[in-house]
């Protein structure tokens, strides 16, 4: 007569426990990877959206930049110093995730151009050639309105503290744009009389440049990534008066940014209306431990091409 078993042996129980442990381990790892993937996807989606938002903002500012004035500053990444030293035109080797270049340019005052019904400023001067750089007059502009517009946007300045850039009248050198004695500007030298402005001819030219467009400059702009990952913009500073961007207003445009880069194809000649620039923003990514870092292999980068008009 056979003996009926009442249960499992100890070896069989141990075997079942081991199998269940293995299966449970695989299940837990699958669950971990599943939720880690969800988290990574959420972070990636969020930071792509943040990068696109930053690029949207940047595009609006760069569209109104003087393309010859776009330069890199502050190459030293060791101390993150805000010193404002010219480092020259943006170059390909500057595209490094760890760099802390500050991209700087001078912006055209488009607010005065778009005033309705009569603009505060006109690109076309009506002075009698040859243009001697001592005065500039307009028949189709309201300079008093331009003065009011500038003061409303930048209370520390006015038309008298602005400057004029003559389209393509100078070489594209950093020192020309970011020095009080640079030759990129016709500094306004005194109060306006009617529709005539007295000028200090920094550009030093007496040639007939009547056909060139003349742009009113209100402020400089600077964009910088801080060590904290904040992406900041400096504005309301006047390079033609010797002001560095560190004297301007600082505004935060985004967080978790690893680097910002701008360049253009310098084999192309400057067009009648500026050139096309590439803007690249790289966000901080996640490593294998889901830790935010600045490493190039983990960065989340987005690019945008923008037509710089001036």
Protein backbone atom coordinates (compact mmCIF):
# COMPACT_ATOMS: atom_id res chain seq x y z
CA UNK A 1 0.00 0.00 0.00
CA UNK A 2 1.42 3.39 -1.12
CA UNK A 3 2.07 6.13 1.39
CA UNK A 4 0.24 9.42 0.62
CA UNK A 5 2.42 12.59 0.91
CA UNK A 6 1.07 15.30 3.17
CA UNK A 7 3.23 18.24 1.81
CA UNK A 8 6.43 19.42 0.18
CA UNK A 9 9.87 18.53 1.31
CA UNK A 10 12.21 21.27 2.56
CA UNK A 11 14.24 21.09 -0.64
CA UNK A 12 11.13 21.55 -2.73
CA UNK A 13 10.07 24.58 -0.66
CA UNK A 14 13.50 26.13 -1.00
CA UNK A 15 13.42 25.52 -4.74
CA UNK A 16 10.02 27.25 -5.02
CA UNK A 17 11.22 30.19 -2.93
CA UNK A 18 14.29 30.62 -5.11
CA UNK A 19 12.22 30.52 -8.29
CA UNK A 20 9.76 33.05 -6.86
CA UNK A 21 12.64 35.29 -5.83
CA UNK A 22 14.12 35.19 -9.32
CA UNK A 23 10.76 35.90 -10.93
CA UNK A 24 10.09 38.67 -8.41
CA UNK A 25 13.50 40.22 -9.12
CA UNK A 26 12.81 40.30 -12.84
CA UNK A 27 9.38 41.78 -12.17
CA UNK A 28 10.80 44.49 -9.89
CA UNK A 29 13.52 45.35 -12.43
CA UNK A 30 10.92 45.55 -15.17
CA UNK A 31 8.78 47.85 -13.01
CA UNK A 32 11.83 49.97 -12.14
CA UNK A 33 12.85 50.31 -15.78
CA UNK A 34 9.27 51.11 -16.72
CA UNK A 35 8.96 53.98 -14.24
CA UNK A 36 12.51 55.16 -14.95
CA UNK A 37 11.62 55.31 -18.62
CA UNK A 38 8.51 57.33 -17.81
CA UNK A 39 10.59 59.73 -15.71
CA UNK A 40 13.27 60.09 -18.39
CA UNK A 41 10.59 60.74 -21.02
CA UNK A 42 8.95 63.37 -18.83
CA UNK A 43 12.28 65.13 -18.18
CA UNK A 44 13.24 64.97 -21.88
CA UNK A 45 9.86 66.32 -23.01
CA UNK A 46 9.93 69.08 -20.41
CA UNK A 47 13.46 70.19 -21.28
CA UNK A 48 12.84 70.07 -25.01
CA UNK A 49 9.86 72.36 -24.41
CA UNK A 50 12.04 74.63 -22.24
CA UNK A 51 14.74 74.77 -24.92
CA UNK A 52 12.17 75.57 -27.63
CA UNK A 53 10.70 78.32 -25.44
CA UNK A 54 14.16 79.83 -24.93
CA UNK A 55 14.84 79.66 -28.67
CA UNK A 56 11.51 81.39 -29.35
CA UNK A 57 12.58 84.26 -27.08
CA UNK A 58 16.10 84.39 -28.51
CA UNK A 59 14.84 84.50 -32.09
CA UNK A 60 12.87 87.68 -31.42
CA UNK A 61 15.94 89.43 -30.01
CA UNK A 62 18.37 88.17 -32.65
CA UNK A 63 16.09 89.24 -35.49
CA UNK A 64 16.72 92.86 -34.51
CA UNK A 65 20.47 92.50 -33.96
CA UNK A 66 23.20 94.14 -36.01
CA UNK A 67 24.81 90.98 -37.37
CA UNK A 68 28.30 92.47 -37.48
CA UNK A 69 28.06 93.12 -33.74
CA UNK A 70 27.41 89.52 -32.63
CA UNK A 71 30.51 88.34 -30.75
CA UNK A 72 31.66 86.02 -27.97
CA UNK A 73 32.91 87.36 -24.66
CA UNK A 74 34.26 85.93 -21.39
CA UNK A 75 36.00 82.75 -22.49
CA UNK A 76 37.33 81.93 -19.01
CA UNK A 77 35.19 79.12 -17.61
CA UNK A 78 37.20 78.70 -14.41
CA UNK A 79 35.66 81.49 -12.36
CA UNK A 80 32.56 82.31 -14.40
CA UNK A 81 33.75 85.91 -14.31
CA UNK A 82 31.52 88.57 -15.78
CA UNK A 83 34.35 90.63 -17.19
CA UNK A 84 33.14 91.53 -20.68
CA UNK A 85 36.38 90.89 -22.57
CA UNK A 86 36.05 90.54 -26.33
CA UNK A 87 36.84 87.04 -27.58
CA UNK A 88 35.88 87.64 -31.22
CA UNK A 89 33.37 86.15 -33.63
CA UNK A 90 31.61 82.91 -32.66
CA UNK A 91 33.62 79.98 -34.01
CA UNK A 92 32.98 76.27 -34.32
CA UNK A 93 35.49 75.32 -31.62
CA UNK A 94 33.47 77.33 -29.12
CA UNK A 95 30.71 74.73 -29.31
CA UNK A 96 31.67 72.99 -26.10
CA UNK A 97 29.15 71.92 -23.49
CA UNK A 98 31.36 73.32 -20.70
CA UNK A 99 32.07 76.74 -22.20
CA UNK A 100 30.74 79.90 -20.62
CA UNK A 101 30.94 82.31 -23.52
CA UNK A 102 28.64 85.29 -23.34
CA UNK A 103 27.04 86.07 -26.70
CA UNK A 104 26.64 89.84 -27.07
CA UNK A 105 25.21 92.13 -29.74
CA UNK A 106 23.77 95.59 -30.30
CA UNK A 107 20.05 95.78 -31.02
CA UNK A 108 18.24 98.14 -33.38
CA UNK A 109 15.42 100.25 -31.92
CA UNK A 110 12.51 98.79 -33.88
CA UNK A 111 9.95 100.25 -31.47
CA UNK A 112 10.53 103.72 -32.88
CA UNK A 113 10.44 102.39 -36.44
CA UNK A 114 6.96 100.88 -36.05
CA UNK A 115 5.20 103.82 -34.44
CA UNK A 116 1.90 104.72 -36.15
CA UNK A 117 0.86 106.88 -37.99
CA UNK A 118 4.32 108.45 -38.39
CA UNK A 119 7.44 106.59 -37.26
CA UNK A 120 9.70 108.07 -34.66
CA UNK A 121 12.72 107.04 -36.72
CA UNK A 122 13.37 106.45 -40.41
CA UNK A 123 16.19 104.34 -41.84
CA UNK A 124 16.68 106.78 -44.70
CA UNK A 125 18.30 110.10 -43.84
CA UNK A 126 17.39 113.20 -45.85
CA UNK A 127 20.57 115.18 -45.29
CA UNK A 128 22.31 116.67 -48.33
CA UNK A 129 25.23 114.58 -49.59
CA UNK A 130 28.06 114.21 -48.97
CA UNK A 131 27.26 112.95 -45.49
CA UNK A 132 29.89 114.45 -43.19
CA UNK A 133 28.87 112.65 -40.01
CA UNK A 134 28.16 115.92 -38.15
CA UNK A 135 24.36 116.08 -38.46
CA UNK A 136 21.53 113.92 -39.69
CA UNK A 137 18.03 115.08 -40.68
CA UNK A 138 14.73 113.44 -41.57
CA UNK A 139 11.59 114.58 -43.35
CA UNK A 140 9.50 111.49 -42.59
CA UNK A 141 10.23 110.90 -38.90
CA UNK A 142 9.19 112.33 -35.56
CA UNK A 143 12.36 112.37 -33.48
CA UNK A 144 10.55 113.74 -30.43
CA UNK A 145 8.36 110.63 -30.53
CA UNK A 146 11.48 108.44 -30.80
CA UNK A 147 12.89 110.19 -27.74
CA UNK A 148 9.67 109.53 -25.79
CA UNK A 149 9.63 105.87 -26.89
CA UNK A 150 13.20 105.24 -25.78
CA UNK A 151 12.63 106.85 -22.38
CA UNK A 152 9.50 104.73 -21.85
CA UNK A 153 11.44 101.52 -22.57
CA UNK A 154 14.68 102.51 -20.89
CA UNK A 155 14.16 105.36 -18.40
CA UNK A 156 17.91 105.81 -17.85
CA UNK A 157 18.38 106.71 -21.51
CA UNK A 158 16.88 108.90 -24.22
CA UNK A 159 17.51 109.76 -27.85
CA UNK A 160 20.48 111.92 -26.90
CA UNK A 161 22.12 108.91 -25.21
CA UNK A 162 21.51 106.61 -28.17
CA UNK A 163 23.68 106.14 -31.23
CA UNK A 164 23.36 105.54 -34.96
CA UNK A 165 24.81 102.64 -36.91
CA UNK A 166 25.38 103.13 -40.62
CA UNK A 167 24.70 99.88 -42.47
CA UNK A 168 27.95 98.04 -43.37
CA UNK A 169 30.11 101.13 -42.99
CA UNK A 170 32.69 99.47 -40.74
CA UNK A 171 34.62 96.24 -40.30
CA UNK A 172 33.25 93.47 -38.09
CA UNK A 173 35.64 93.78 -35.17
CA UNK A 174 34.66 93.32 -31.55
CA UNK A 175 36.50 96.41 -30.32
CA UNK A 176 34.62 98.59 -32.84
CA UNK A 177 31.31 97.76 -31.21
CA UNK A 178 32.19 97.39 -27.55
CA UNK A 179 34.22 100.49 -26.82
CA UNK A 180 33.26 104.08 -26.17
CA UNK A 181 35.86 105.15 -28.74
CA UNK A 182 35.06 102.46 -31.28
CA UNK A 183 34.33 103.51 -34.86
CA UNK A 184 31.06 101.61 -35.31
CA UNK A 185 28.86 104.44 -34.15
CA UNK A 186 27.72 107.94 -34.81
CA UNK A 187 27.05 108.98 -31.23
CA UNK A 188 24.29 111.55 -30.86
CA UNK A 189 26.07 114.62 -29.53
CA UNK A 190 23.51 116.96 -28.04
CA UNK A 191 19.79 117.66 -28.16
CA UNK A 192 17.70 117.39 -31.30
CA UNK A 193 16.53 120.53 -33.10
CA UNK A 194 13.36 119.83 -35.03
CA UNK A 195 14.22 116.80 -37.11
CA UNK A 196 17.98 117.35 -37.05
CA UNK A 197 20.41 115.55 -34.75
CA UNK A 198 23.98 116.63 -34.00
CA UNK A 199 26.43 113.73 -34.23
CA UNK A 200 29.84 112.82 -32.89
CA UNK A 201 31.44 111.06 -35.84
CA UNK A 202 33.06 108.07 -34.13
CA UNK A 203 33.10 106.22 -37.45
CA UNK A 204 35.50 108.82 -38.81
CA UNK A 205 34.17 108.74 -42.37
CA UNK A 206 33.28 111.67 -44.62
CA UNK A 207 32.42 109.62 -47.68
CA UNK A 208 29.02 109.79 -49.33
CA UNK A 209 27.10 107.04 -47.59
CA UNK A 210 23.71 108.56 -48.30
CA UNK A 211 22.36 105.32 -49.79
CA UNK A 212 23.20 103.29 -46.70
CA UNK A 213 20.54 102.62 -44.11
CA UNK A 214 21.00 104.29 -40.75
CA UNK A 215 19.74 102.42 -37.70
CA UNK A 216 18.91 103.88 -34.30
CA UNK A 217 20.57 101.88 -31.51
CA UNK A 218 18.90 101.79 -28.12
CA UNK A 219 20.59 99.04 -26.13
CA UNK A 220 22.98 96.16 -26.16
CA UNK A 221 21.97 92.56 -25.35
CA UNK A 222 24.00 89.79 -23.75
CA UNK A 223 23.09 86.13 -23.15
CA UNK A 224 24.94 83.91 -20.69
CA UNK A 225 24.64 80.49 -19.02
CA UNK A 226 25.46 80.65 -15.30
CA UNK A 227 27.03 77.79 -13.34
CA UNK A 228 23.65 77.24 -11.68
CA UNK A 229 22.09 76.38 -15.06
CA UNK A 230 20.20 79.68 -15.25
CA UNK A 231 20.11 81.24 -18.71
CA UNK A 232 20.13 85.02 -18.31
CA UNK A 233 19.78 88.05 -20.56
CA UNK A 234 21.37 91.43 -19.90
CA UNK A 235 19.87 94.53 -21.51
CA UNK A 236 19.70 98.31 -21.12
CA UNK A 237 23.41 99.01 -21.42
CA UNK A 238 25.08 101.24 -24.03
CA UNK A 239 28.40 100.00 -25.47
CA UNK A 240 28.88 103.30 -27.35
CA UNK A 241 29.06 105.02 -23.94
CA UNK A 242 31.60 102.54 -22.61
CA UNK A 243 29.03 100.53 -20.63
CA UNK A 244 29.66 96.82 -20.12
CA UNK A 245 26.73 94.39 -20.11
CA UNK A 246 27.27 93.77 -16.39
CA UNK A 247 25.83 97.27 -15.79
CA UNK A 248 22.56 96.32 -17.49
CA UNK A 249 19.37 94.72 -16.23
CA UNK A 250 19.53 90.95 -15.75
CA UNK A 251 16.53 88.75 -16.56
CA UNK A 252 16.24 84.97 -16.33
CA UNK A 253 15.05 83.25 -19.50
CA UNK A 254 15.30 79.63 -18.38
CA UNK A 255 16.78 76.99 -16.05
CA UNK A 256 18.69 73.71 -16.44
CA UNK A 257 20.67 75.07 -19.39
CA UNK A 258 24.10 73.57 -20.07
CA UNK A 259 25.26 75.82 -22.92
CA UNK A 260 24.22 78.35 -25.55
CA UNK A 261 25.90 78.80 -28.90
CA UNK A 262 25.42 81.03 -31.94
CA UNK A 263 27.18 80.90 -35.31
CA UNK A 264 26.73 81.53 -39.01
CA UNK A 265 28.37 80.41 -42.22
CA UNK A 266 31.09 83.01 -42.58
CA UNK A 267 31.78 81.95 -46.16
CA UNK A 268 28.61 83.79 -47.17
CA UNK A 269 28.79 87.52 -47.76
CA UNK A 270 26.55 89.82 -45.77
CA UNK A 271 23.25 90.38 -47.52
CA UNK A 272 21.36 93.61 -47.89
CA UNK A 273 19.35 92.60 -44.85
CA UNK A 274 21.67 90.75 -42.52
CA UNK A 275 22.41 87.03 -42.52
CA UNK A 276 21.10 83.70 -41.20
CA UNK A 277 22.41 82.56 -37.82
CA UNK A 278 22.15 79.22 -36.05
CA UNK A 279 21.13 79.31 -32.40
CA UNK A 280 21.76 76.21 -30.29
CA UNK A 281 20.59 75.65 -26.71
CA UNK A 282 21.64 72.52 -24.81
CA UNK A 283 19.74 71.56 -21.67
CA UNK A 284 21.19 69.56 -18.81
CA UNK A 285 20.47 65.83 -19.13
CA UNK A 286 20.24 62.80 -16.84
CA UNK A 287 22.97 60.21 -16.25
CA UNK A 288 22.45 56.52 -15.48
CA UNK A 289 21.53 57.37 -11.90
CA UNK A 290 18.92 59.91 -13.00
CA UNK A 291 21.15 62.74 -11.77
CA UNK A 292 21.10 66.04 -13.67
CA UNK A 293 24.50 66.92 -15.13
CA UNK A 294 26.31 69.04 -17.77
CA UNK A 295 27.95 66.14 -19.60
CA UNK A 296 27.88 66.42 -23.37
CA UNK A 297 26.71 62.83 -23.89
CA UNK A 298 23.62 63.44 -21.72
CA UNK A 299 22.73 66.92 -23.00
CA UNK A 300 19.39 67.63 -24.69
CA UNK A 301 20.08 70.07 -27.54
CA UNK A 302 17.79 72.04 -29.83
CA UNK A 303 18.63 74.35 -32.73
CA UNK A 304 16.92 77.19 -34.53
CA UNK A 305 17.89 79.24 -37.58
CA UNK A 306 17.04 82.93 -37.44
CA UNK A 307 17.36 85.73 -39.97
CA UNK A 308 19.28 88.58 -38.38
CA UNK A 309 17.86 91.52 -40.29
CA UNK A 310 20.43 94.31 -39.86
